[in-house]
Amino acid sequence: MIMALLGLLWVGGGTLWLLSRRSYRLRQAPQFAADLLGFPVEYAQSIWGRGGVPYALLMPNLIIFGFFTFVPMILNFYVSLTGGESINLINRPFVGFEKYRDIFNCETIFSPKTCTNAGFNFWTGMFNSLWFVVIQVPILCVAALLTALVVNKNIKGRGFWRAMFFYPVMLSPVVIANIWNWVLHRKGVLNEVIGGTRDSLSGLAGLTGFDMVMTVVMAVVLMVVFERAAARSGRDPSLAWTAVLAGLLALLVSWANPLSLLGMPGSFWLGAALGAAILWVVGSGQTWARIALMVAAVIAAALLLSIQFDAVFDFGRYRPINWLVTPNTNWPFFWLVFVFCWSHMGFYMLILLAGLQAIPTDLYEAAKMDATKPFRAFWRITLPLVMPTLTVVIVLSLIRSFQIFDEVYLLTGGGPGRETFMIVQNIYEIAFTNNVPDYGEAAAGSVLMAIVIAVFTFVQLWITRRQSDL
C-alpha cells in the first residue's frame, strides 16, 4: 500500500513538474518516460545539488523505515502514558507516568519480591534477561568466532561445514523448540543416552583399581615433563623416556602386584619385571611403544573418569528427568542458553567469516616469515582487524538476546517457577494473555526495555571505540 502510494505520488508529481518546465509532443513520449524515471534525481539536483542525489535515491526506503519504525515508537510511548482497556487511542484516558510509577513501586528494585505485582513481574523478567545476556552473549560470540576461524581454514569439506553450522539459522523457532523438547524430555534422547552409558561407566569403574590407573596417568605426565625439559636443554628426548620409565618402574614396584589389579596372579618381583620390560621397550626408542603408552594413557584417563563420576554421581541411583521443567537445578536456564546459541551461532559465524576473509593474507605470510606463533598472530593480526565486525556481532547478539521470546515461550514457558521468565514474555502476557489486558503497562515495560538495550549498546560501542583509539 505504501509503495503504491509512493509510486502514484512519483508519477503524478513528476508529470506535473515536467510539464510545468517544458512541453512535449506526442512523438516525444519515450523521452517523457525517460525524464519521468529520472525525475527524482533531477529534482534533487535542482534543490540540493549533485550531493543530494544519493539521499533522493534513499528517500523511499527512509520514508518506509521511518513510518514502520519511528511512528510505532512514538505511538508506543504515548500508549504508556494512557490507561483503560480500549485499544483505540482516542478512548484511552491520559494518566501521565502512572504506569512507570507502578513498575518502580518497590522498596528496592534489586529485590522484586518487595514490589507491587507490576513491579515484581517486570523486574523478575528484567533481571533474568540481564543474566541471560551476560552469560549468553560472550559464549555465543566466542563460539561464532572460533567456528568462523575453523571454517575459514583450507580444510576438507569446508563448504559442507559452513552449511551445517548455518543450517539451524534457517529453521523456524517452532521447529527448533520441538526438536529440543524431544531431546530433553523425560523419555527423550538425552536421557536414553545417559541411561545407556550409565551401565558402561559403572562397568569401567569396576574393571580396575585406582592405583593402576594413577600409575599410567602419572607415567604419561612425567613423560611429557621430562621430554619437554630434555628438548629445551638440547639433549636427546630418549633420555627423558628413560627417566620417565624409571619413575614408572618405581611406581609399579612400590605399589606391587600390578598384575593382580588386572585379575592375574602377581607379586613384587612380577611387578618389577613388568616395569623393567616396559623400561627396556620404550627406552629403546620404538615408535610403536610410544603410541602404545599414549593409548594406555587415554584408556587410563577414561577409567579414572569413570571411577570418579561413579563415586560423585552414583550412576546406580540416576533417574531420568525432564531437563526443561525440573526446578532448582539451573538445567532449564542452561539448556535455554545452549539452544539459543546453537540456533543463532551460524548467522554470526557468517558475519565474522566475511570479516576474516577481508583480512589481507600478506600479513599472515609476513608473520610466518618472522616465525610468529599462531596464537600471537591471532592476537596481533586477526583480532584487531576483525574487531569492527566483532563489535557488530556483539551489538546484534546483545539486542537479540534481550528480545528472546520464542525459545522461552515454546521450551520452558518461563518456568519452572520464574527461573526463565524474560522481560519480553512479561510484556506479551500483560498485553495479550491477561483477563484484563493493560496495554499501558506493557507499553511502559517495552519503553524501559528499549532504554536498557540502548544503554548497553552505547556502552559497548564506547568501549570498543576507546580500545581502537589506544
Protein backbone atom coordinates (compact mmCIF):
# COMPACT_ATOMS: atom_id res chain seq x y z
CA MET A 1 0.00 0.00 0.00
CA ILE A 2 2.74 2.44 0.96
CA MET A 3 4.77 1.54 -2.13
CA ALA A 4 1.70 2.00 -4.33
CA LEU A 5 1.06 5.46 -2.87
CA LEU A 6 4.72 6.41 -3.31
CA GLY A 7 4.61 5.22 -6.92
CA LEU A 8 1.43 7.18 -7.58
CA LEU A 9 2.98 10.26 -6.00
CA TRP A 10 6.10 9.78 -8.11
CA VAL A 11 4.16 9.51 -11.39
CA GLY A 12 1.66 12.27 -10.62
CA GLY A 13 4.10 14.74 -9.11
CA GLY A 14 6.77 14.02 -11.69
CA THR A 15 4.35 14.51 -14.56
CA LEU A 16 3.16 17.87 -13.26
CA TRP A 17 6.72 19.02 -12.55
CA LEU A 18 7.98 18.04 -16.01
CA LEU A 19 5.01 19.59 -17.83
CA SER A 20 5.49 22.82 -15.89
CA ARG A 21 9.10 23.06 -17.09
CA ARG A 22 8.82 22.03 -20.73
CA SER A 23 6.29 20.92 -23.33
CA TYR A 24 6.29 17.52 -25.01
CA ARG A 25 4.89 16.42 -28.34
CA LEU A 26 3.23 13.05 -28.84
CA ARG A 27 6.25 11.63 -30.67
CA GLN A 28 8.37 12.57 -27.64
CA ALA A 29 6.59 10.06 -25.36
CA PRO A 30 9.73 7.89 -24.94
CA GLN A 31 11.71 10.96 -23.96
CA PHE A 32 8.98 11.93 -21.49
CA ALA A 33 9.08 8.44 -19.91
CA ALA A 34 12.86 8.65 -19.56
CA ASP A 35 12.60 12.10 -17.97
CA LEU A 36 9.89 10.81 -15.63
CA LEU A 37 12.10 7.95 -14.43
CA GLY A 38 14.92 10.39 -13.81
CA PHE A 39 12.65 12.94 -12.17
CA PRO A 40 13.77 12.30 -8.53
CA VAL A 41 17.43 12.71 -9.47
CA GLU A 42 16.87 15.87 -11.49
CA TYR A 43 14.58 17.33 -8.83
CA ALA A 44 17.11 16.56 -6.08
CA GLN A 45 19.89 18.18 -8.10
CA SER A 46 17.81 21.31 -8.56
CA ILE A 47 17.31 21.61 -4.78
CA TRP A 48 20.44 20.20 -3.10
CA GLY A 49 22.90 19.97 -5.98
CA ARG A 50 24.74 16.82 -7.01
CA GLY A 51 25.42 15.90 -3.36
CA GLY A 52 21.72 15.37 -2.75
CA VAL A 53 21.25 12.65 -5.36
CA PRO A 54 22.16 9.71 -3.04
CA TYR A 55 19.68 10.97 -0.45
CA ALA A 56 16.98 11.23 -3.10
CA LEU A 57 17.56 7.62 -4.10
CA LEU A 58 17.42 6.54 -0.45
CA MET A 59 14.34 8.61 0.31
CA PRO A 60 11.69 5.91 -0.41
CA ASN A 61 13.44 3.45 1.89
CA LEU A 62 13.93 6.09 4.57
CA ILE A 63 10.25 7.03 4.41
CA ILE A 64 9.11 3.42 4.75
CA PHE A 65 11.64 2.70 7.52
CA GLY A 66 10.59 5.81 9.41
CA PHE A 67 6.91 5.03 9.00
CA PHE A 68 7.21 1.47 10.30
CA THR A 69 9.83 2.19 12.99
CA PHE A 70 9.68 5.68 14.42
CA VAL A 71 5.91 6.15 14.19
CA PRO A 72 5.19 2.95 16.21
CA MET A 73 7.83 4.01 18.76
CA ILE A 74 6.12 7.37 19.25
CA LEU A 75 2.68 5.75 19.47
CA ASN A 76 4.00 3.16 21.93
CA PHE A 77 5.36 5.90 24.20
CA TYR A 78 2.00 7.68 24.04
CA VAL A 79 0.17 4.45 24.95
CA SER A 80 2.44 4.10 28.01
CA LEU A 81 1.07 7.45 29.22
CA THR A 82 -2.57 6.34 28.95
CA GLY A 83 -4.88 3.98 30.82
CA GLY A 84 -8.03 1.99 30.21
CA GLU A 85 -8.70 -1.24 28.37
CA SER A 86 -9.55 0.11 24.93
CA ILE A 87 -7.10 -0.35 22.08
CA ASN A 88 -8.44 2.81 20.43
CA LEU A 89 -6.07 5.68 21.25
CA ILE A 90 -8.90 8.21 21.27
CA ASN A 91 -10.75 6.33 24.03
CA ARG A 92 -7.71 5.92 26.30
CA PRO A 93 -7.54 8.48 29.15
CA PHE A 94 -4.22 10.24 29.75
CA VAL A 95 -2.68 9.15 33.09
CA GLY A 96 0.85 10.52 32.75
CA PHE A 97 3.65 8.44 34.25
CA GLU A 98 1.37 6.32 36.46
CA LYS A 99 2.35 3.06 34.71
CA TYR A 100 6.03 3.83 35.26
CA ARG A 101 5.36 4.56 38.94
CA ASP A 102 3.65 1.17 39.30
CA ILE A 103 6.72 -0.55 37.88
CA PHE A 104 9.13 1.35 40.16
CA ASN A 105 6.89 0.98 43.23
CA CYS A 106 9.39 -1.16 45.18
CA GLU A 107 11.33 -0.92 48.39
CA THR A 108 14.32 -1.85 46.24
CA ILE A 109 14.26 -2.93 42.60
CA PHE A 110 17.03 -5.44 43.33
CA SER A 111 14.51 -7.44 45.35
CA PRO A 112 11.43 -7.90 43.12
CA LYS A 113 9.51 -9.53 45.99
CA THR A 114 9.24 -6.07 47.63
CA CYS A 115 7.48 -4.63 44.56
CA THR A 116 3.85 -4.46 43.56
CA ASN A 117 2.55 -7.09 41.16
CA ALA A 118 3.51 -5.00 38.12
CA GLY A 119 6.97 -4.30 39.50
CA PHE A 120 7.53 -7.91 40.57
CA ASN A 121 6.82 -9.30 37.09
CA PHE A 122 8.81 -6.58 35.33
CA TRP A 123 11.95 -6.72 37.47
CA THR A 124 11.94 -10.53 37.63
CA GLY A 125 11.87 -10.63 33.84
CA MET A 126 14.44 -7.83 33.57
CA PHE A 127 16.98 -9.45 35.90
CA ASN A 128 16.51 -12.84 34.24
CA SER A 129 17.04 -11.19 30.85
CA LEU A 130 20.16 -9.37 32.08
CA TRP A 131 21.55 -12.61 33.50
CA PHE A 132 20.78 -14.37 30.22
CA VAL A 133 22.56 -11.63 28.23
CA VAL A 134 25.63 -11.64 30.50
CA ILE A 135 26.04 -15.42 30.11
CA GLN A 136 24.89 -15.94 26.55
CA VAL A 137 26.49 -13.07 24.60
CA PRO A 138 30.14 -13.94 25.45
CA ILE A 139 29.54 -17.65 24.82
CA LEU A 140 27.78 -17.00 21.52
CA CYS A 141 30.38 -14.52 20.24
CA VAL A 142 33.35 -16.71 21.22
CA ALA A 143 31.72 -19.80 19.69
CA ALA A 144 30.90 -17.91 16.48
CA LEU A 145 34.45 -16.54 16.23
CA LEU A 146 36.08 -19.94 16.82
CA THR A 147 33.77 -21.57 14.30
CA ALA A 148 34.49 -18.84 11.74
CA LEU A 149 38.23 -19.33 12.27
CA VAL A 150 37.89 -23.08 11.68
CA VAL A 151 35.74 -22.89 8.52
CA ASN A 152 37.97 -20.11 7.18
CA LYS A 153 40.88 -22.57 7.05
CA ASN A 154 41.61 -24.61 3.96
CA ILE A 155 40.09 -27.82 5.30
CA LYS A 156 38.34 -30.67 3.53
CA GLY A 157 34.60 -30.21 3.20
CA ARG A 158 34.80 -26.54 4.13
CA GLY A 159 31.61 -25.69 2.25
CA PHE A 160 29.78 -28.58 3.88
CA TRP A 161 30.76 -27.48 7.38
CA ARG A 162 29.77 -23.89 6.68
CA ALA A 163 26.36 -25.06 5.52
CA MET A 164 25.94 -27.36 8.52
CA PHE A 165 26.77 -24.61 11.03
CA PHE A 166 24.41 -22.21 9.26
CA TYR A 167 21.60 -24.75 8.90
CA PRO A 168 19.92 -24.11 12.31
CA VAL A 169 19.50 -20.43 11.38
CA MET A 170 17.11 -21.44 8.60
CA LEU A 171 14.87 -23.42 10.94
CA SER A 172 11.72 -21.94 12.42
CA PRO A 173 11.77 -21.35 16.20
CA VAL A 174 8.80 -23.73 16.43
CA VAL A 175 10.79 -26.49 14.72
CA ILE A 176 13.82 -25.83 16.93
CA ALA A 177 11.68 -25.94 20.08
CA ASN A 178 10.06 -29.22 19.05
CA ILE A 179 13.43 -30.82 18.28
CA TRP A 180 14.90 -29.92 21.66
CA ASN A 181 11.70 -30.79 23.51
CA TRP A 182 12.01 -34.30 22.10
CA VAL A 183 15.68 -34.44 23.07
CA LEU A 184 15.26 -33.09 26.62
CA HIS A 185 12.00 -34.80 27.57
CA ARG A 186 11.96 -37.35 30.40
CA LYS A 187 11.76 -40.10 27.77
CA GLY A 188 13.85 -38.18 25.26
CA VAL A 189 17.12 -38.90 23.51
CA LEU A 190 19.38 -37.34 26.15
CA ASN A 191 18.04 -39.49 28.97
CA GLU A 192 18.27 -42.56 26.75
CA VAL A 193 21.94 -41.82 26.03
CA ILE A 194 22.74 -41.21 29.71
CA GLY A 195 20.88 -44.35 30.70
CA GLY A 196 22.74 -46.35 28.07
CA THR A 197 26.16 -45.13 29.18
CA ARG A 198 25.40 -45.47 32.89
CA ASP A 199 25.99 -49.22 32.93
CA SER A 200 29.07 -48.86 30.73
CA LEU A 201 30.68 -46.30 33.04
CA SER A 202 29.84 -48.33 36.12
CA GLY A 203 31.33 -51.38 34.43
CA LEU A 204 34.52 -49.48 33.56
CA ALA A 205 34.79 -48.29 37.13
CA GLY A 206 34.75 -51.90 38.32
CA LEU A 207 37.32 -53.19 35.84
CA THR A 208 40.36 -51.76 37.56
CA GLY A 209 41.59 -50.11 40.69
CA PHE A 210 42.60 -46.55 41.37
CA ASP A 211 46.29 -47.45 41.83
CA MET A 212 46.71 -48.97 38.39
CA VAL A 213 45.02 -46.03 36.71
CA MET A 214 47.14 -43.50 38.55
CA THR A 215 50.29 -45.45 37.60
CA VAL A 216 49.69 -44.94 33.89
CA VAL A 217 48.47 -41.35 34.24
CA MET A 218 51.47 -40.30 36.32
CA ALA A 219 53.82 -42.04 33.89
CA VAL A 220 52.48 -40.04 30.96
CA VAL A 221 52.62 -36.78 32.91
CA LEU A 222 56.25 -37.44 33.83
CA MET A 223 57.00 -38.38 30.24
CA VAL A 224 55.70 -35.06 28.90
CA VAL A 225 57.51 -33.00 31.55
CA PHE A 226 60.88 -34.72 31.12
CA GLU A 227 60.66 -34.79 27.33
CA ARG A 228 59.97 -31.03 27.17
CA ALA A 229 62.84 -30.35 29.57
CA ALA A 230 65.24 -32.51 27.56
CA ALA A 231 64.24 -30.86 24.27
CA ARG A 232 64.80 -27.37 25.67
CA SER A 233 68.21 -28.30 27.07
CA GLY A 234 69.30 -29.71 23.71
CA ARG A 235 69.54 -33.31 24.90
CA ASP A 236 68.15 -36.37 23.25
CA PRO A 237 64.47 -36.76 24.26
CA SER A 238 65.07 -40.50 24.63
CA LEU A 239 66.83 -39.63 27.89
CA ALA A 240 63.53 -38.24 29.07
CA TRP A 241 61.83 -41.51 28.18
CA THR A 242 64.41 -43.42 30.18
CA ALA A 243 63.84 -41.19 33.21
CA VAL A 244 60.08 -41.46 32.87
CA LEU A 245 60.08 -45.21 32.59
CA ALA A 246 62.44 -45.41 35.55
CA GLY A 247 59.84 -43.49 37.51
CA LEU A 248 57.15 -45.81 36.21
CA LEU A 249 59.23 -48.80 37.33
CA ALA A 250 59.49 -47.32 40.81
CA LEU A 251 55.73 -46.76 40.92
CA LEU A 252 54.94 -50.29 39.83
CA VAL A 253 57.34 -51.77 42.36
CA SER A 254 56.17 -49.54 45.20
CA TRP A 255 52.53 -50.35 44.61
CA ALA A 256 53.43 -54.03 43.99
CA ASN A 257 51.16 -56.62 42.47
CA PRO A 258 50.23 -54.56 39.39
CA LEU A 259 49.20 -57.73 37.61
CA SER A 260 46.82 -58.64 40.40
CA LEU A 261 44.95 -55.41 39.70
CA LEU A 262 44.09 -56.91 36.32
CA GLY A 263 42.88 -60.13 37.91
CA MET A 264 46.15 -62.01 37.28
CA PRO A 265 48.41 -63.61 39.89
CA GLY A 266 51.14 -61.15 40.76
CA SER A 267 53.88 -60.39 43.23
CA PHE A 268 56.54 -57.80 43.98
CA TRP A 269 59.02 -59.43 41.60
CA LEU A 270 56.50 -59.76 38.79
CA GLY A 271 55.76 -56.07 39.16
CA ALA A 272 59.46 -55.26 38.98
CA ALA A 273 59.86 -57.47 35.91
CA LEU A 274 56.92 -55.79 34.19
CA GLY A 275 58.35 -52.36 34.94
CA ALA A 276 61.79 -53.37 33.63
CA ALA A 277 60.26 -54.74 30.42
CA ILE A 278 58.38 -51.52 29.80
CA LEU A 279 61.52 -49.52 30.56
CA TRP A 280 63.56 -51.54 28.05
CA VAL A 281 60.96 -51.47 25.25
CA VAL A 282 60.03 -47.80 25.42
CA GLY A 283 63.54 -46.64 26.27
CA SER A 284 64.80 -48.26 23.07
CA GLY A 285 63.02 -45.52 21.14
CA GLN A 286 60.47 -47.67 19.34
CA THR A 287 57.69 -45.51 17.87
CA TRP A 288 55.03 -48.15 18.40
CA ALA A 289 55.96 -48.28 22.10
CA ARG A 290 55.32 -44.56 22.48
CA ILE A 291 51.98 -44.93 20.72
CA ALA A 292 51.09 -47.87 22.96
CA LEU A 293 51.86 -45.85 26.07
CA MET A 294 49.73 -42.94 24.83
CA VAL A 295 46.83 -45.30 24.11
CA ALA A 296 47.24 -46.73 27.60
CA ALA A 297 47.12 -43.19 28.96
CA VAL A 298 43.83 -42.48 27.17
CA ILE A 299 42.31 -45.71 28.47
CA ALA A 300 43.59 -44.95 31.96
CA ALA A 301 42.10 -41.46 31.83
CA ALA A 302 38.73 -42.93 30.81
CA LEU A 303 38.91 -45.43 33.66
CA LEU A 304 39.86 -42.70 36.11
CA LEU A 305 36.96 -40.53 34.99
CA SER A 306 34.57 -43.45 35.24
CA ILE A 307 35.73 -44.13 38.80
CA GLN A 308 35.35 -40.50 39.81
CA PHE A 309 31.99 -40.00 38.07
CA ASP A 310 30.62 -43.17 39.59
CA ALA A 311 31.76 -42.01 43.04
CA VAL A 312 30.38 -38.48 42.66
CA PHE A 313 27.16 -39.01 40.70
CA ASP A 314 26.38 -42.58 41.74
CA PHE A 315 25.10 -43.83 38.39
CA GLY A 316 23.22 -46.59 40.10
CA ARG A 317 20.83 -44.00 41.54
CA TYR A 318 20.38 -41.99 38.33
CA ARG A 319 16.76 -41.32 37.40
CA PRO A 320 15.63 -39.67 34.14
CA ILE A 321 14.38 -36.09 34.50
CA ASN A 322 12.69 -33.56 32.27
CA TRP A 323 15.56 -31.15 31.74
CA LEU A 324 13.30 -28.19 30.94
CA VAL A 325 10.91 -28.23 33.89
CA THR A 326 12.88 -29.59 36.85
CA PRO A 327 13.03 -26.74 39.41
CA ASN A 328 16.02 -25.60 41.48
CA THR A 329 18.55 -27.29 39.19
CA ASN A 330 19.52 -24.48 36.77
CA TRP A 331 19.17 -27.01 33.95
CA PRO A 332 16.26 -25.15 32.26
CA PHE A 333 18.32 -21.95 32.13
CA PHE A 334 21.40 -23.84 30.90
CA TRP A 335 19.52 -25.53 28.07
CA LEU A 336 17.85 -22.25 27.12
CA VAL A 337 21.30 -20.67 26.67
CA PHE A 338 22.54 -23.73 24.79
CA VAL A 339 19.59 -23.88 22.38
CA PHE A 340 19.76 -20.13 21.72
CA CYS A 341 23.49 -20.32 20.93
CA TRP A 342 23.00 -23.41 18.76
CA SER A 343 20.24 -21.81 16.70
CA HIS A 344 21.88 -18.38 16.21
CA MET A 345 25.60 -19.12 16.06
CA GLY A 346 25.60 -19.78 12.30
CA PHE A 347 24.32 -16.30 11.49
CA TYR A 348 27.04 -14.54 13.49
CA MET A 349 29.62 -17.03 12.20
CA LEU A 350 28.79 -15.92 8.66
CA ILE A 351 29.29 -12.24 9.55
CA LEU A 352 32.62 -12.96 11.22
CA LEU A 353 33.68 -15.16 8.32
CA ALA A 354 33.19 -12.21 5.98
CA GLY A 355 35.34 -10.09 8.29
CA LEU A 356 38.08 -12.73 8.40
CA GLN A 357 38.15 -13.07 4.63
CA ALA A 358 38.65 -9.30 4.31
CA ILE A 359 41.99 -9.51 6.19
CA PRO A 360 44.94 -9.39 3.73
CA THR A 361 46.82 -12.68 3.57
CA ASP A 362 50.10 -10.79 3.18
CA LEU A 363 50.04 -10.03 6.90
CA TYR A 364 49.94 -13.73 7.79
CA GLU A 365 52.70 -14.52 5.31
CA ALA A 366 54.91 -11.81 6.84
CA ALA A 367 54.16 -13.13 10.33
CA LYS A 368 55.02 -16.66 9.20
CA MET A 369 58.36 -15.45 7.83
CA ASP A 370 59.07 -13.88 11.23
CA ALA A 371 58.34 -17.25 12.89
CA THR A 372 55.35 -15.81 14.72
CA LYS A 373 53.38 -18.37 16.70
CA PRO A 374 49.74 -18.93 15.65
CA PHE A 375 48.28 -17.57 18.88
CA ARG A 376 50.39 -14.43 18.68
CA ALA A 377 49.37 -13.94 15.04
CA PHE A 378 45.74 -14.25 16.08
CA TRP A 379 46.19 -11.80 18.96
CA ARG A 380 48.19 -9.22 16.98
CA ILE A 381 46.68 -9.52 13.49
CA THR A 382 43.35 -11.34 13.36
CA LEU A 383 41.65 -9.98 16.46
CA PRO A 384 42.43 -6.25 15.90
CA LEU A 385 41.39 -6.39 12.24
CA VAL A 386 38.22 -8.36 12.88
CA MET A 387 37.24 -6.23 15.89
CA PRO A 388 34.90 -3.89 13.93
CA THR A 389 33.00 -6.92 12.65
CA LEU A 390 33.07 -8.50 16.11
CA THR A 391 31.61 -5.28 17.55
CA VAL A 392 28.67 -5.54 15.15
CA VAL A 393 28.18 -9.17 16.18
CA ILE A 394 28.26 -8.28 19.89
CA VAL A 395 25.71 -5.49 19.46
CA LEU A 396 23.38 -7.61 17.32
CA SER A 397 23.58 -10.59 19.69
CA LEU A 398 23.03 -8.32 22.69
CA ILE A 399 19.87 -6.84 21.18
CA ARG A 400 18.62 -10.25 20.04
CA SER A 401 19.29 -11.76 23.47
CA PHE A 402 17.20 -9.11 25.17
CA GLN A 403 14.40 -9.79 22.70
CA ILE A 404 14.33 -13.56 23.30
CA PHE A 405 10.76 -14.80 23.37
CA ASP A 406 10.08 -17.71 21.01
CA GLU A 407 12.58 -20.08 22.61
CA VAL A 408 11.40 -19.27 26.15
CA TYR A 409 7.71 -19.47 25.35
CA LEU A 410 7.99 -22.76 23.44
CA LEU A 411 10.61 -24.55 25.55
CA THR A 412 10.02 -23.60 29.19
CA GLY A 413 7.09 -21.17 29.18
CA GLY A 414 9.08 -19.04 31.63
CA GLY A 415 9.29 -21.83 34.18
CA PRO A 416 9.86 -23.72 36.29
CA GLY A 417 8.55 -21.12 38.65
CA ARG A 418 10.04 -17.91 37.26
CA GLU A 419 13.54 -19.21 36.57
CA THR A 420 13.44 -18.49 32.81
CA PHE A 421 10.80 -15.74 32.82
CA MET A 422 12.07 -13.00 30.48
CA ILE A 423 11.07 -9.37 30.04
CA VAL A 424 9.50 -9.79 26.58
CA GLN A 425 7.31 -12.61 27.87
CA ASN A 426 6.15 -10.32 30.67
CA ILE A 427 5.19 -7.63 28.13
CA TYR A 428 3.37 -10.21 25.99
CA GLU A 429 1.39 -11.66 28.89
CA ILE A 430 0.33 -8.24 30.19
CA ALA A 431 -0.95 -7.16 26.78
CA PHE A 432 -2.43 -10.35 25.34
CA THR A 433 -2.98 -13.17 27.86
CA ASN A 434 -4.28 -11.46 31.00
CA ASN A 435 -8.01 -11.48 31.57
CA VAL A 436 -7.85 -7.67 31.76
CA PRO A 437 -5.12 -6.55 29.33
CA ASP A 438 -3.14 -3.49 30.34
CA TYR A 439 -1.67 -2.03 27.17
CA GLY A 440 -0.31 0.98 29.04
CA GLU A 441 1.77 -1.14 31.41
CA ALA A 442 3.00 -3.33 28.52
CA ALA A 443 3.99 -0.22 26.55
CA ALA A 444 5.80 1.23 29.59
CA GLY A 445 7.72 -2.02 30.02
CA SER A 446 8.75 -2.02 26.35
CA VAL A 447 9.95 1.60 26.63
CA LEU A 448 12.10 0.74 29.65
CA MET A 449 13.46 -2.34 27.88
CA ALA A 450 14.39 -0.21 24.85
CA ILE A 451 16.23 2.22 27.13
CA VAL A 452 18.21 -0.62 28.74
CA ILE A 453 19.15 -2.03 25.31
CA ALA A 454 20.21 1.42 24.12
CA VAL A 455 22.38 1.95 27.21
CA PHE A 456 24.09 -1.43 26.78
CA THR A 457 24.64 -0.76 23.07
CA PHE A 458 26.14 2.71 23.57
CA VAL A 459 28.40 1.46 26.37
CA GLN A 460 29.64 -1.39 24.17
CA LEU A 461 30.30 0.97 21.25
CA TRP A 462 32.08 3.46 23.53
CA ILE A 463 34.34 0.77 24.99
CA THR A 464 35.16 -0.61 21.55
CA ARG A 465 35.89 2.85 20.11
CA ARG A 466 38.09 3.69 23.08
CA GLN A 467 40.06 0.45 22.70
CA SER A 468 40.57 1.11 18.98
CA ASP A 469 41.94 4.60 19.77
CA LEU A 470 44.56 3.25 22.20
